[in-house]
Protein backbone atom coordinates (compact mmCIF):
# COMPACT_ATOMS: atom_id res chain seq x y z
CA UNK A 1 0.00 0.00 0.00
CA UNK A 2 1.23 3.47 -0.78
CA UNK A 3 0.33 6.74 0.84
CA UNK A 4 -1.78 9.16 -1.10
CA UNK A 5 -1.20 12.91 -1.08
CA UNK A 6 -4.11 13.57 1.31
CA UNK A 7 -2.21 14.62 4.42
CA UNK A 8 -1.22 11.00 5.14
CA UNK A 9 -4.72 10.16 6.34
CA UNK A 10 -5.58 7.49 3.80
CA UNK A 11 -3.88 4.74 1.87
CA UNK A 12 -4.17 3.69 -1.71
CA UNK A 13 -5.15 0.12 -2.41
CA UNK A 14 -3.86 -1.71 -5.44
CA UNK A 15 -6.99 -0.65 -7.36
CA UNK A 16 -6.51 3.04 -6.53
CA UNK A 17 -9.42 3.38 -4.09
CA UNK A 18 -8.80 5.19 -0.85
CA UNK A 19 -8.88 3.16 2.29
CA UNK A 20 -10.80 5.67 4.37
CA UNK A 21 -11.47 3.41 7.35
CA UNK A 22 -8.10 4.19 8.92
CA UNK A 23 -8.64 7.90 8.43
CA UNK A 24 -12.14 7.71 9.87
CA UNK A 25 -10.94 5.79 12.92
CA UNK A 26 -8.11 8.24 13.42
CA UNK A 27 -10.52 11.17 13.21
CA UNK A 28 -12.85 9.54 15.72
CA UNK A 29 -10.01 8.86 18.14
CA UNK A 30 -8.85 12.47 17.92
CA UNK A 31 -12.37 13.80 18.46
CA UNK A 32 -13.07 11.52 21.44
CA UNK A 33 -9.73 12.43 23.00
CA UNK A 34 -10.38 16.12 22.51
CA UNK A 35 -13.96 16.02 23.83
CA UNK A 36 -13.00 13.88 26.85
CA UNK A 37 -9.78 15.73 27.53
CA UNK A 38 -7.68 12.56 27.50
CA UNK A 39 -4.72 11.42 25.42
CA UNK A 40 -5.38 9.49 22.22
CA UNK A 41 -3.51 6.54 23.72
CA UNK A 42 -6.14 6.31 26.47
CA UNK A 43 -8.92 6.28 23.86
CA UNK A 44 -7.16 3.39 22.08
CA UNK A 45 -6.70 1.56 25.38
CA UNK A 46 -10.39 1.89 26.28
CA UNK A 47 -11.45 0.83 22.80
CA UNK A 48 -9.21 -2.23 22.95
CA UNK A 49 -10.57 -3.19 26.38
CA UNK A 50 -14.18 -2.83 25.23
CA UNK A 51 -13.53 -4.71 22.02
CA UNK A 52 -11.77 -7.56 23.79
CA UNK A 53 -14.54 -7.78 26.37
CA UNK A 54 -17.15 -8.04 23.62
CA UNK A 55 -15.13 -10.68 21.74
CA UNK A 56 -14.67 -12.63 24.99
CA UNK A 57 -18.40 -12.53 25.72
CA UNK A 58 -19.18 -13.68 22.17
CA UNK A 59 -16.76 -16.61 22.54
CA UNK A 60 -18.12 -17.67 25.93
CA UNK A 61 -21.73 -17.47 24.74
CA UNK A 62 -20.94 -19.41 21.57
CA UNK A 63 -19.27 -22.12 23.65
CA UNK A 64 -22.29 -22.25 25.95
CA UNK A 65 -24.79 -22.44 23.10
CA UNK A 66 -22.66 -25.11 21.38
CA UNK A 67 -22.71 -27.21 24.56
CA UNK A 68 -19.00 -26.76 25.26
CA UNK A 69 -19.62 -24.76 28.44
CA UNK A 70 -22.30 -25.40 31.04
CA UNK A 71 -24.83 -22.71 31.94
CA UNK A 72 -23.44 -21.92 35.38
CA UNK A 73 -19.93 -21.50 33.99
CA UNK A 74 -21.25 -19.21 31.26
CA UNK A 75 -23.11 -17.14 33.85
CA UNK A 76 -19.96 -16.92 35.93
CA UNK A 77 -17.92 -15.73 32.94
CA UNK A 78 -20.32 -13.24 31.27
CA UNK A 79 -23.21 -12.70 33.65
CA UNK A 80 -26.76 -13.97 33.95
CA UNK A 81 -28.32 -11.21 31.84
CA UNK A 82 -26.11 -11.95 28.82
CA UNK A 83 -26.75 -15.69 29.08
CA UNK A 84 -30.51 -15.14 29.29
CA UNK A 85 -30.40 -12.77 26.31
CA UNK A 86 -28.43 -15.32 24.26
CA UNK A 87 -30.94 -18.03 25.18
CA UNK A 88 -33.87 -15.81 24.13
CA UNK A 89 -32.16 -14.91 20.86
CA UNK A 90 -31.49 -18.58 20.10
CA UNK A 91 -35.09 -19.45 20.90
CA UNK A 92 -36.35 -16.73 18.54
CA UNK A 93 -34.10 -17.94 15.73
CA UNK A 94 -35.25 -21.53 16.26
CA UNK A 95 -38.90 -20.42 16.20
CA UNK A 96 -38.29 -18.47 12.97
CA UNK A 97 -36.63 -21.47 11.35
CA UNK A 98 -39.49 -23.74 12.42
CA UNK A 99 -42.03 -21.24 11.12
CA UNK A 100 -40.16 -20.99 7.82
CA UNK A 101 -40.04 -24.76 7.43
CA UNK A 102 -43.76 -25.10 8.12
CA UNK A 103 -44.98 -22.12 6.08
C-alpha atoms as a PDB file:
ATOM      1  CA  UNK A   1       0.000   0.000   0.000  1.00  0.00           C
ATOM      2  CA  UNK A   2       1.232   3.469  -0.783  1.00  0.00           C
ATOM      3  CA  UNK A   3       0.332   6.741   0.842  1.00  0.00           C
ATOM      4  CA  UNK A   4      -1.779   9.162  -1.102  1.00  0.00           C
ATOM      5  CA  UNK A   5      -1.201  12.908  -1.083  1.00  0.00           C
ATOM      6  CA  UNK A   6      -4.112  13.572   1.309  1.00  0.00           C
ATOM      7  CA  UNK A   7      -2.211  14.616   4.419  1.00  0.00           C
ATOM      8  CA  UNK A   8      -1.223  11.003   5.142  1.00  0.00           C
ATOM      9  CA  UNK A   9      -4.717  10.164   6.343  1.00  0.00           C
ATOM     10  CA  UNK A  10      -5.576   7.489   3.796  1.00  0.00           C
ATOM     11  CA  UNK A  11      -3.880   4.736   1.866  1.00  0.00           C
ATOM     12  CA  UNK A  12      -4.166   3.690  -1.712  1.00  0.00           C
ATOM     13  CA  UNK A  13      -5.147   0.116  -2.405  1.00  0.00           C
ATOM     14  CA  UNK A  14      -3.859  -1.705  -5.441  1.00  0.00           C
ATOM     15  CA  UNK A  15      -6.988  -0.648  -7.363  1.00  0.00           C
ATOM     16  CA  UNK A  16      -6.509   3.035  -6.530  1.00  0.00           C
ATOM     17  CA  UNK A  17      -9.417   3.382  -4.088  1.00  0.00           C
ATOM     18  CA  UNK A  18      -8.799   5.192  -0.851  1.00  0.00           C
ATOM     19  CA  UNK A  19      -8.885   3.159   2.288  1.00  0.00           C
ATOM     20  CA  UNK A  20     -10.795   5.667   4.372  1.00  0.00           C
ATOM     21  CA  UNK A  21     -11.468   3.406   7.348  1.00  0.00           C
ATOM     22  CA  UNK A  22      -8.097   4.189   8.920  1.00  0.00           C
ATOM     23  CA  UNK A  23      -8.636   7.900   8.427  1.00  0.00           C
ATOM     24  CA  UNK A  24     -12.139   7.706   9.868  1.00  0.00           C
ATOM     25  CA  UNK A  25     -10.943   5.795  12.919  1.00  0.00           C
ATOM     26  CA  UNK A  26      -8.112   8.238  13.424  1.00  0.00           C
ATOM     27  CA  UNK A  27     -10.519  11.165  13.207  1.00  0.00           C
ATOM     28  CA  UNK A  28     -12.854   9.543  15.724  1.00  0.00           C
ATOM     29  CA  UNK A  29     -10.012   8.859  18.141  1.00  0.00           C
ATOM     30  CA  UNK A  30      -8.850  12.470  17.921  1.00  0.00           C
ATOM     31  CA  UNK A  31     -12.371  13.801  18.460  1.00  0.00           C
ATOM     32  CA  UNK A  32     -13.067  11.519  21.436  1.00  0.00           C
ATOM     33  CA  UNK A  33      -9.727  12.427  23.000  1.00  0.00           C
ATOM     34  CA  UNK A  34     -10.381  16.125  22.512  1.00  0.00           C
ATOM     35  CA  UNK A  35     -13.960  16.017  23.832  1.00  0.00           C
ATOM     36  CA  UNK A  36     -12.998  13.882  26.855  1.00  0.00           C
ATOM     37  CA  UNK A  37      -9.776  15.728  27.535  1.00  0.00           C
ATOM     38  CA  UNK A  38      -7.683  12.558  27.501  1.00  0.00           C
ATOM     39  CA  UNK A  39      -4.719  11.421  25.421  1.00  0.00           C
ATOM     40  CA  UNK A  40      -5.381   9.492  22.221  1.00  0.00           C
ATOM     41  CA  UNK A  41      -3.510   6.537  23.722  1.00  0.00           C
ATOM     42  CA  UNK A  42      -6.139   6.314  26.466  1.00  0.00           C
ATOM     43  CA  UNK A  43      -8.915   6.281  23.863  1.00  0.00           C
ATOM     44  CA  UNK A  44      -7.162   3.391  22.081  1.00  0.00           C
ATOM     45  CA  UNK A  45      -6.695   1.563  25.383  1.00  0.00           C
ATOM     46  CA  UNK A  46     -10.386   1.889  26.280  1.00  0.00           C
ATOM     47  CA  UNK A  47     -11.446   0.827  22.797  1.00  0.00           C
ATOM     48  CA  UNK A  48      -9.214  -2.232  22.954  1.00  0.00           C
ATOM     49  CA  UNK A  49     -10.566  -3.191  26.384  1.00  0.00           C
ATOM     50  CA  UNK A  50     -14.183  -2.832  25.232  1.00  0.00           C
ATOM     51  CA  UNK A  51     -13.529  -4.712  22.024  1.00  0.00           C
ATOM     52  CA  UNK A  52     -11.770  -7.564  23.789  1.00  0.00           C
ATOM     53  CA  UNK A  53     -14.543  -7.782  26.368  1.00  0.00           C
ATOM     54  CA  UNK A  54     -17.149  -8.038  23.621  1.00  0.00           C
ATOM     55  CA  UNK A  55     -15.132 -10.677  21.744  1.00  0.00           C
ATOM     56  CA  UNK A  56     -14.666 -12.634  24.995  1.00  0.00           C
ATOM     57  CA  UNK A  57     -18.403 -12.533  25.721  1.00  0.00           C
ATOM     58  CA  UNK A  58     -19.179 -13.681  22.170  1.00  0.00           C
ATOM     59  CA  UNK A  59     -16.757 -16.606  22.538  1.00  0.00           C
ATOM     60  CA  UNK A  60     -18.119 -17.674  25.927  1.00  0.00           C
ATOM     61  CA  UNK A  61     -21.733 -17.468  24.739  1.00  0.00           C
ATOM     62  CA  UNK A  62     -20.938 -19.414  21.569  1.00  0.00           C
ATOM     63  CA  UNK A  63     -19.267 -22.123  23.648  1.00  0.00           C
ATOM     64  CA  UNK A  64     -22.293 -22.246  25.947  1.00  0.00           C
ATOM     65  CA  UNK A  65     -24.794 -22.443  23.099  1.00  0.00           C
ATOM     66  CA  UNK A  66     -22.663 -25.107  21.383  1.00  0.00           C
ATOM     67  CA  UNK A  67     -22.706 -27.213  24.560  1.00  0.00           C
ATOM     68  CA  UNK A  68     -18.995 -26.761  25.257  1.00  0.00           C
ATOM     69  CA  UNK A  69     -19.623 -24.758  28.443  1.00  0.00           C
ATOM     70  CA  UNK A  70     -22.304 -25.401  31.044  1.00  0.00           C
ATOM     71  CA  UNK A  71     -24.828 -22.708  31.937  1.00  0.00           C
ATOM     72  CA  UNK A  72     -23.439 -21.924  35.379  1.00  0.00           C
ATOM     73  CA  UNK A  73     -19.927 -21.497  33.993  1.00  0.00           C
ATOM     74  CA  UNK A  74     -21.254 -19.207  31.255  1.00  0.00           C
ATOM     75  CA  UNK A  75     -23.111 -17.135  33.845  1.00  0.00           C
ATOM     76  CA  UNK A  76     -19.959 -16.915  35.931  1.00  0.00           C
ATOM     77  CA  UNK A  77     -17.923 -15.733  32.940  1.00  0.00           C
ATOM     78  CA  UNK A  78     -20.323 -13.244  31.272  1.00  0.00           C
ATOM     79  CA  UNK A  79     -23.215 -12.700  33.652  1.00  0.00           C
ATOM     80  CA  UNK A  80     -26.764 -13.968  33.952  1.00  0.00           C
ATOM     81  CA  UNK A  81     -28.321 -11.205  31.838  1.00  0.00           C
ATOM     82  CA  UNK A  82     -26.111 -11.949  28.823  1.00  0.00           C
ATOM     83  CA  UNK A  83     -26.750 -15.688  29.079  1.00  0.00           C
ATOM     84  CA  UNK A  84     -30.510 -15.137  29.287  1.00  0.00           C
ATOM     85  CA  UNK A  85     -30.404 -12.768  26.310  1.00  0.00           C
ATOM     86  CA  UNK A  86     -28.432 -15.325  24.262  1.00  0.00           C
ATOM     87  CA  UNK A  87     -30.944 -18.032  25.180  1.00  0.00           C
ATOM     88  CA  UNK A  88     -33.867 -15.805  24.128  1.00  0.00           C
ATOM     89  CA  UNK A  89     -32.156 -14.911  20.864  1.00  0.00           C
ATOM     90  CA  UNK A  90     -31.488 -18.579  20.100  1.00  0.00           C
ATOM     91  CA  UNK A  91     -35.094 -19.452  20.903  1.00  0.00           C
ATOM     92  CA  UNK A  92     -36.351 -16.731  18.545  1.00  0.00           C
ATOM     93  CA  UNK A  93     -34.096 -17.940  15.731  1.00  0.00           C
ATOM     94  CA  UNK A  94     -35.249 -21.531  16.260  1.00  0.00           C
ATOM     95  CA  UNK A  95     -38.903 -20.416  16.204  1.00  0.00           C
ATOM     96  CA  UNK A  96     -38.290 -18.466  12.974  1.00  0.00           C
ATOM     97  CA  UNK A  97     -36.631 -21.474  11.354  1.00  0.00           C
ATOM     98  CA  UNK A  98     -39.488 -23.739  12.424  1.00  0.00           C
ATOM     99  CA  UNK A  99     -42.034 -21.242  11.123  1.00  0.00           C
ATOM    100  CA  UNK A 100     -40.159 -20.992   7.823  1.00  0.00           C
ATOM    101  CA  UNK A 101     -40.045 -24.758   7.431  1.00  0.00           C
ATOM    102  CA  UNK A 102     -43.760 -25.096   8.124  1.00  0.00           C
ATOM    103  CA  UNK A 103     -44.976 -22.118   6.083  1.00  0.00           C
END
